[in-house]
Amino acid sequence: MLNNIGLPGLLLIAIVVLVLFGRGKISSLMGEVGKGITAFKKGVDDGKREIEDTTADGARDVTPETERDKV
């Protein structure tokens, strides 16, 4: 169904959206979308960092306890 929209169809949809909502409303909406994407990327990076820190903490000391006690 949506495979045959094409460029004229997309332009028509963009014009209708612009007329309905106005330039200011669309601009503020796109700003909020940008903030959301930035927050999502930050969350993903924080999650990766937390996983790497947890993995690094677990991998620091792999010597068995009996070996550590002798030293």
PDB file of N, CA and C in Angstrom:
ATOM      1  N   MET A   1       0.813  -1.193   0.000  1.00  0.00           N
ATOM      2  CA  MET A   1       0.000   0.000   0.000  1.00  0.00           C
ATOM      3  C   MET A   1       0.860   1.261   0.000  1.00  0.00           C
ATOM      4  N   LEU A   2       1.870   1.318   0.870  1.00  0.00           N
ATOM      5  CA  LEU A   2       2.712   2.512   0.965  1.00  0.00           C
ATOM      6  C   LEU A   2       3.907   2.462   0.025  1.00  0.00           C
ATOM      7  N   ASN A   3       4.002   1.426  -0.774  1.00  0.00           N
ATOM      8  CA  ASN A   3       5.142   1.300  -1.681  1.00  0.00           C
ATOM      9  C   ASN A   3       5.088   2.293  -2.836  1.00  0.00           C
ATOM     10  N   ASN A   4       3.910   2.787  -3.200  1.00  0.00           N
ATOM     11  CA  ASN A   4       3.764   3.623  -4.387  1.00  0.00           C
ATOM     12  C   ASN A   4       3.508   5.092  -4.060  1.00  0.00           C
ATOM     13  N   ILE A   5       3.969   5.590  -2.932  1.00  0.00           N
ATOM     14  CA  ILE A   5       3.725   6.995  -2.579  1.00  0.00           C
ATOM     15  C   ILE A   5       4.519   7.905  -3.506  1.00  0.00           C
ATOM     16  N   GLY A   6       5.789   7.700  -3.600  1.00  0.00           N
ATOM     17  CA  GLY A   6       6.618   8.495  -4.492  1.00  0.00           C
ATOM     18  C   GLY A   6       6.856   9.911  -3.975  1.00  0.00           C
ATOM     19  N   LEU A   7       7.652  10.657  -4.704  1.00  0.00           N
ATOM     20  CA  LEU A   7       8.011  12.024  -4.334  1.00  0.00           C
ATOM     21  C   LEU A   7       6.824  12.982  -4.337  1.00  0.00           C
ATOM     22  N   PRO A   8       5.969  12.966  -5.348  1.00  0.00           N
ATOM     23  CA  PRO A   8       4.812  13.886  -5.303  1.00  0.00           C
ATOM     24  C   PRO A   8       3.900  13.626  -4.095  1.00  0.00           C
ATOM     25  N   GLY A   9       3.706  12.386  -3.754  1.00  0.00           N
ATOM     26  CA  GLY A   9       2.883  12.057  -2.601  1.00  0.00           C
ATOM     27  C   GLY A   9       3.492  12.544  -1.311  1.00  0.00           C
ATOM     28  N   LEU A  10       4.797  12.386  -1.173  1.00  0.00           N
ATOM     29  CA  LEU A  10       5.485  12.863   0.032  1.00  0.00           C
ATOM     30  C   LEU A  10       5.419  14.380   0.139  1.00  0.00           C
ATOM     31  N   LEU A  11       5.580  15.069  -0.988  1.00  0.00           N
ATOM     32  CA  LEU A  11       5.478  16.534  -0.978  1.00  0.00           C
ATOM     33  C   LEU A  11       4.076  16.986  -0.592  1.00  0.00           C
ATOM     34  N   LEU A  12       3.074  16.302  -1.088  1.00  0.00           N
ATOM     35  CA  LEU A  12       1.698  16.636  -0.746  1.00  0.00           C
ATOM     36  C   LEU A  12       1.437  16.434   0.741  1.00  0.00           C
ATOM     37  N   ILE A  13       1.933  15.336   1.298  1.00  0.00           N
ATOM     38  CA  ILE A  13       1.777  15.068   2.732  1.00  0.00           C
ATOM     39  C   ILE A  13       2.490  16.145   3.544  1.00  0.00           C
ATOM     40  N   ALA A  14       3.712  16.524   3.134  1.00  0.00           N
ATOM     41  CA  ALA A  14       4.463  17.557   3.850  1.00  0.00           C
ATOM     42  C   ALA A  14       3.731  18.889   3.828  1.00  0.00           C
ATOM     43  N   ILE A  15       3.150  19.245   2.711  1.00  0.00           N
ATOM     44  CA  ILE A  15       2.421  20.514   2.608  1.00  0.00           C
ATOM     45  C   ILE A  15       1.176  20.498   3.492  1.00  0.00           C
ATOM     46  N   VAL A  16       0.462  19.379   3.491  1.00  0.00           N
ATOM     47  CA  VAL A  16      -0.741  19.274   4.328  1.00  0.00           C
ATOM     48  C   VAL A  16      -0.367  19.378   5.806  1.00  0.00           C
ATOM     49  N   VAL A  17       0.690  18.703   6.216  1.00  0.00           N
ATOM     50  CA  VAL A  17       1.134  18.766   7.621  1.00  0.00           C
ATOM     51  C   VAL A  17       1.543  20.191   7.965  1.00  0.00           C
ATOM     52  N   LEU A  18       2.252  20.853   7.089  1.00  0.00           N
ATOM     53  CA  LEU A  18       2.679  22.231   7.321  1.00  0.00           C
ATOM     54  C   LEU A  18       1.483  23.172   7.467  1.00  0.00           C
ATOM     55  N   VAL A  19       0.478  22.995   6.628  1.00  0.00           N
ATOM     56  CA  VAL A  19      -0.713  23.838   6.703  1.00  0.00           C
ATOM     57  C   VAL A  19      -1.485  23.568   7.997  1.00  0.00           C
ATOM     58  N   LEU A  20      -1.604  22.307   8.372  1.00  0.00           N
ATOM     59  CA  LEU A  20      -2.380  21.955   9.566  1.00  0.00           C
ATOM     60  C   LEU A  20      -1.724  22.423  10.859  1.00  0.00           C
ATOM     61  N   PHE A  21      -0.433  22.214  10.973  1.00  0.00           N
ATOM     62  CA  PHE A  21       0.233  22.472  12.256  1.00  0.00           C
ATOM     63  C   PHE A  21       0.998  23.791  12.294  1.00  0.00           C
ATOM     64  N   GLY A  22       1.400  24.309  11.193  1.00  0.00           N
ATOM     65  CA  GLY A  22       2.153  25.555  11.181  1.00  0.00           C
ATOM     66  C   GLY A  22       3.643  25.309  11.381  1.00  0.00           C
ATOM     67  N   ARG A  23       4.424  26.279  10.943  1.00  0.00           N
ATOM     68  CA  ARG A  23       5.877  26.137  10.982  1.00  0.00           C
ATOM     69  C   ARG A  23       6.416  26.101  12.401  1.00  0.00           C
ATOM     70  N   GLY A  24       5.873  26.920  13.297  1.00  0.00           N
ATOM     71  CA  GLY A  24       6.379  26.972  14.669  1.00  0.00           C
ATOM     72  C   GLY A  24       6.151  25.681  15.424  1.00  0.00           C
ATOM     73  N   LYS A  25       4.985  25.094  15.249  1.00  0.00           N
ATOM     74  CA  LYS A  25       4.659  23.847  15.954  1.00  0.00           C
ATOM     75  C   LYS A  25       5.546  22.704  15.462  1.00  0.00           C
ATOM     76  N   ILE A  26       5.754  22.630  14.160  1.00  0.00           N
ATOM     77  CA  ILE A  26       6.604  21.575  13.601  1.00  0.00           C
ATOM     78  C   ILE A  26       8.043  21.761  14.057  1.00  0.00           C
ATOM     79  N   SER A  27       8.501  23.012  14.105  1.00  0.00           N
ATOM     80  CA  SER A  27       9.864  23.290  14.552  1.00  0.00           C
ATOM     81  C   SER A  27      10.071  22.854  15.998  1.00  0.00           C
ATOM     82  N   SER A  28       9.120  23.173  16.858  1.00  0.00           N
ATOM     83  CA  SER A  28       9.262  22.772  18.261  1.00  0.00           C
ATOM     84  C   SER A  28       9.170  21.255  18.411  1.00  0.00           C
ATOM     85  N   LEU A  29       8.330  20.629  17.596  1.00  0.00           N
ATOM     86  CA  LEU A  29       8.213  19.168  17.640  1.00  0.00           C
ATOM     87  C   LEU A  29       9.524  18.508  17.232  1.00  0.00           C
ATOM     88  N   MET A  30      10.145  19.011  16.182  1.00  0.00           N
ATOM     89  CA  MET A  30      11.422  18.444  15.732  1.00  0.00           C
ATOM     90  C   MET A  30      12.521  18.678  16.771  1.00  0.00           C
ATOM     91  N   GLY A  31      12.466  19.805  17.479  1.00  0.00           N
ATOM     92  CA  GLY A  31      13.421  20.046  18.564  1.00  0.00           C
ATOM     93  C   GLY A  31      13.272  19.021  19.677  1.00  0.00           C
ATOM     94  N   GLU A  32      12.022  18.695  20.008  1.00  0.00           N
ATOM     95  CA  GLU A  32      11.772  17.684  21.037  1.00  0.00           C
ATOM     96  C   GLU A  32      12.220  16.302  20.572  1.00  0.00           C
ATOM     97  N   VAL A  33      12.019  16.001  19.307  1.00  0.00           N
ATOM     98  CA  VAL A  33      12.481  14.719  18.761  1.00  0.00           C
ATOM     99  C   VAL A  33      14.005  14.643  18.849  1.00  0.00           C
ATOM    100  N   GLY A  34      14.683  15.734  18.531  1.00  0.00           N
ATOM    101  CA  GLY A  34      16.150  15.768  18.629  1.00  0.00           C
ATOM    102  C   GLY A  34      16.626  15.563  20.054  1.00  0.00           C
ATOM    103  N   LYS A  35      15.947  16.184  21.022  1.00  0.00           N
ATOM    104  CA  LYS A  35      16.314  16.000  22.432  1.00  0.00           C
ATOM    105  C   LYS A  35      16.096  14.557  22.858  1.00  0.00           C
ATOM    106  N   GLY A  36      15.020  13.957  22.365  1.00  0.00           N
ATOM    107  CA  GLY A  36      14.745  12.560  22.695  1.00  0.00           C
ATOM    108  C   GLY A  36      15.802  11.622  22.144  1.00  0.00           C
ATOM    109  N   ILE A  37      16.224  11.863  20.921  1.00  0.00           N
ATOM    110  CA  ILE A  37      17.268  11.036  20.310  1.00  0.00           C
ATOM    111  C   ILE A  37      18.575  11.194  21.071  1.00  0.00           C
ATOM    112  N   THR A  38      18.912  12.429  21.458  1.00  0.00           N
ATOM    113  CA  THR A  38      20.132  12.674  22.228  1.00  0.00           C
ATOM    114  C   THR A  38      20.085  11.960  23.569  1.00  0.00           C
ATOM    115  N   ALA A  39      18.943  12.020  24.257  1.00  0.00           N
ATOM    116  CA  ALA A  39      18.801  11.346  25.545  1.00  0.00           C
ATOM    117  C   ALA A  39      18.893   9.835  25.379  1.00  0.00           C
ATOM    118  N   PHE A  40      18.323   9.297  24.301  1.00  0.00           N
ATOM    119  CA  PHE A  40      18.389   7.862  24.046  1.00  0.00           C
ATOM    120  C   PHE A  40      19.834   7.424  23.819  1.00  0.00           C
ATOM    121  N   LYS A  41      20.573   8.174  23.002  1.00  0.00           N
ATOM    122  CA  LYS A  41      21.978   7.831  22.742  1.00  0.00           C
ATOM    123  C   LYS A  41      22.797   7.890  24.020  1.00  0.00           C
ATOM    124  N   LYS A  42      22.540   8.897  24.863  1.00  0.00           N
ATOM    125  CA  LYS A  42      23.258   9.016  26.133  1.00  0.00           C
ATOM    126  C   LYS A  42      22.954   7.815  27.026  1.00  0.00           C
ATOM    127  N   GLY A  43      21.704   7.401  27.058  1.00  0.00           N
ATOM    128  CA  GLY A  43      21.319   6.239  27.850  1.00  0.00           C
ATOM    129  C   GLY A  43      21.984   4.963  27.365  1.00  0.00           C
ATOM    130  N   VAL A  44      22.062   4.803  26.056  1.00  0.00           N
ATOM    131  CA  VAL A  44      22.719   3.622  25.491  1.00  0.00           C
ATOM    132  C   VAL A  44      24.204   3.628  25.844  1.00  0.00           C
ATOM    133  N   ASP A  45      24.851   4.778  25.724  1.00  0.00           N
ATOM    134  CA  ASP A  45      26.272   4.884  26.061  1.00  0.00           C
ATOM    135  C   ASP A  45      26.510   4.604  27.549  1.00  0.00           C
ATOM    136  N   ASP A  46      25.633   5.136  28.409  1.00  0.00           N
ATOM    137  CA  ASP A  46      25.763   4.876  29.850  1.00  0.00           C
ATOM    138  C   ASP A  46      25.582   3.396  30.151  1.00  0.00           C
ATOM    139  N   GLY A  47      24.653   2.753  29.481  1.00  0.00           N
ATOM    140  CA  GLY A  47      24.433   1.323  29.675  1.00  0.00           C
ATOM    141  C   GLY A  47      25.634   0.509  29.240  1.00  0.00           C
ATOM    142  N   LYS A  48      26.208   0.858  28.093  1.00  0.00           N
ATOM    143  CA  LYS A  48      27.401   0.158  27.622  1.00  0.00           C
ATOM    144  C   LYS A  48      28.546   0.332  28.611  1.00  0.00           C
ATOM    145  N   ARG A  49      28.724   1.577  29.103  1.00  0.00           N
ATOM    146  CA  ARG A  49      29.795   1.866  30.043  1.00  0.00           C
ATOM    147  C   ARG A  49      29.598   1.069  31.345  1.00  0.00           C
ATOM    148  N   GLU A  50      28.359   0.982  31.805  1.00  0.00           N
ATOM    149  CA  GLU A  50      28.076   0.242  33.030  1.00  0.00           C
ATOM    150  C   GLU A  50      28.363  -1.241  32.851  1.00  0.00           C
ATOM    151  N   ILE A  51      28.000  -1.793  31.702  1.00  0.00           N
ATOM    152  CA  ILE A  51      28.277  -3.207  31.435  1.00  0.00           C
ATOM    153  C   ILE A  51      29.778  -3.444  31.360  1.00  0.00           C
ATOM    154  N   GLU A  52      30.505  -2.552  30.688  1.00  0.00           N
ATOM    155  CA  GLU A  52      31.956  -2.709  30.581  1.00  0.00           C
ATOM    156  C   GLU A  52      32.616  -2.600  31.956  1.00  0.00           C
ATOM    157  N   ASP A  53      32.149  -1.675  32.803  1.00  0.00           N
ATOM    158  CA  ASP A  53      32.711  -1.536  34.145  1.00  0.00           C
ATOM    159  C   ASP A  53      32.445  -2.780  34.978  1.00  0.00           C
ATOM    160  N   THR A  54      31.243  -3.315  34.881  1.00  0.00           N
ATOM    161  CA  THR A  54      30.900  -4.526  35.635  1.00  0.00           C
ATOM    162  C   THR A  54      31.747  -5.694  35.164  1.00  0.00           C
ATOM    163  N   THR A  55      31.920  -5.816  33.865  1.00  0.00           N
ATOM    164  CA  THR A  55      32.734  -6.894  33.310  1.00  0.00           C
ATOM    165  C   THR A  55      34.189  -6.724  33.735  1.00  0.00           C
ATOM    166  N   ALA A  56      34.692  -5.486  33.709  1.00  0.00           N
ATOM    167  CA  ALA A  56      36.081  -5.237  34.086  1.00  0.00           C
ATOM    168  C   ALA A  56      36.289  -5.508  35.576  1.00  0.00           C
ATOM    169  N   ASP A  57      35.326  -5.156  36.425  1.00  0.00           N
ATOM    170  CA  ASP A  57      35.447  -5.421  37.855  1.00  0.00           C
ATOM    171  C   ASP A  57      35.486  -6.917  38.132  1.00  0.00           C
ATOM    172  N   GLY A  58      34.691  -7.676  37.427  1.00  0.00           N
ATOM    173  CA  GLY A  58      34.659  -9.117  37.627  1.00  0.00           C
ATOM    174  C   GLY A  58      35.902  -9.805  37.087  1.00  0.00           C
ATOM    175  N   ALA A  59      36.569  -9.209  36.124  1.00  0.00           N
ATOM    176  CA  ALA A  59      37.725  -9.840  35.493  1.00  0.00           C
ATOM    177  C   ALA A  59      39.050  -9.394  36.101  1.00  0.00           C
ATOM    178  N   ARG A  60      39.032  -8.526  37.098  1.00  0.00           N
ATOM    179  CA  ARG A  60      40.297  -8.020  37.642  1.00  0.00           C
ATOM    180  C   ARG A  60      41.088  -9.093  38.385  1.00  0.00           C
ATOM    181  N   ASP A  61      40.428  -9.815  39.266  1.00  0.00           N
ATOM    182  CA  ASP A  61      41.150 -10.787  40.075  1.00  0.00           C
ATOM    183  C   ASP A  61      40.635 -12.180  39.772  1.00  0.00           C
ATOM    184  N   VAL A  62      41.416 -12.924  38.991  1.00  0.00           N
ATOM    185  CA  VAL A  62      41.004 -14.269  38.616  1.00  0.00           C
ATOM    186  C   VAL A  62      41.849 -15.326  39.321  1.00  0.00           C
ATOM    187  N   THR A  63      42.730 -14.907  40.191  1.00  0.00           N
ATOM    188  CA  THR A  63      43.576 -15.846  40.917  1.00  0.00           C
ATOM    189  C   THR A  63      42.721 -16.565  41.965  1.00  0.00           C
ATOM    190  N   PRO A  64      42.846 -17.894  42.046  1.00  0.00           N
ATOM    191  CA  PRO A  64      42.094 -18.608  43.093  1.00  0.00           C
ATOM    192  C   PRO A  64      42.484 -18.122  44.478  1.00  0.00           C
ATOM    193  N   GLU A  65      41.581 -18.225  45.438  1.00  0.00           N
ATOM    194  CA  GLU A  65      41.827 -17.712  46.782  1.00  0.00           C
ATOM    195  C   GLU A  65      42.992 -18.401  47.454  1.00  0.00           C
ATOM    196  N   THR A  66      43.196 -19.672  47.213  1.00  0.00           N
ATOM    197  CA  THR A  66      44.310 -20.375  47.851  1.00  0.00           C
ATOM    198  C   THR A  66      45.635 -19.829  47.362  1.00  0.00           C
ATOM    199  N   GLU A  67      45.739 -19.438  46.112  1.00  0.00           N
ATOM    200  CA  GLU A  67      46.957 -18.861  45.562  1.00  0.00           C
ATOM    201  C   GLU A  67      47.206 -17.465  46.150  1.00  0.00           C
ATOM    202  N   ARG A  68      46.149 -16.679  46.323  1.00  0.00           N
ATOM    203  CA  ARG A  68      46.311 -15.336  46.878  1.00  0.00           C
ATOM    204  C   ARG A  68      46.744 -15.399  48.331  1.00  0.00           C
ATOM    205  N   ASP A  69      46.255 -16.373  49.075  1.00  0.00           N
ATOM    206  CA  ASP A  69      46.601 -16.482  50.489  1.00  0.00           C
ATOM    207  C   ASP A  69      48.086 -16.814  50.674  1.00  0.00           C
ATOM    208  N   LYS A  70      48.689 -17.528  49.757  1.00  0.00           N
ATOM    209  CA  LYS A  70      50.096 -17.906  49.877  1.00  0.00           C
ATOM    210  C   LYS A  70      51.013 -16.711  49.670  1.00  0.00           C
ATOM    211  N   VAL A  71      50.617 -15.758  48.881  1.00  0.00           N
ATOM    212  CA  VAL A  71      51.482 -14.621  48.532  1.00  0.00           C
ATOM    213  C   VAL A  71      51.466 -13.606  49.582  1.00  0.00           C
TER     214      VAL A  71
END
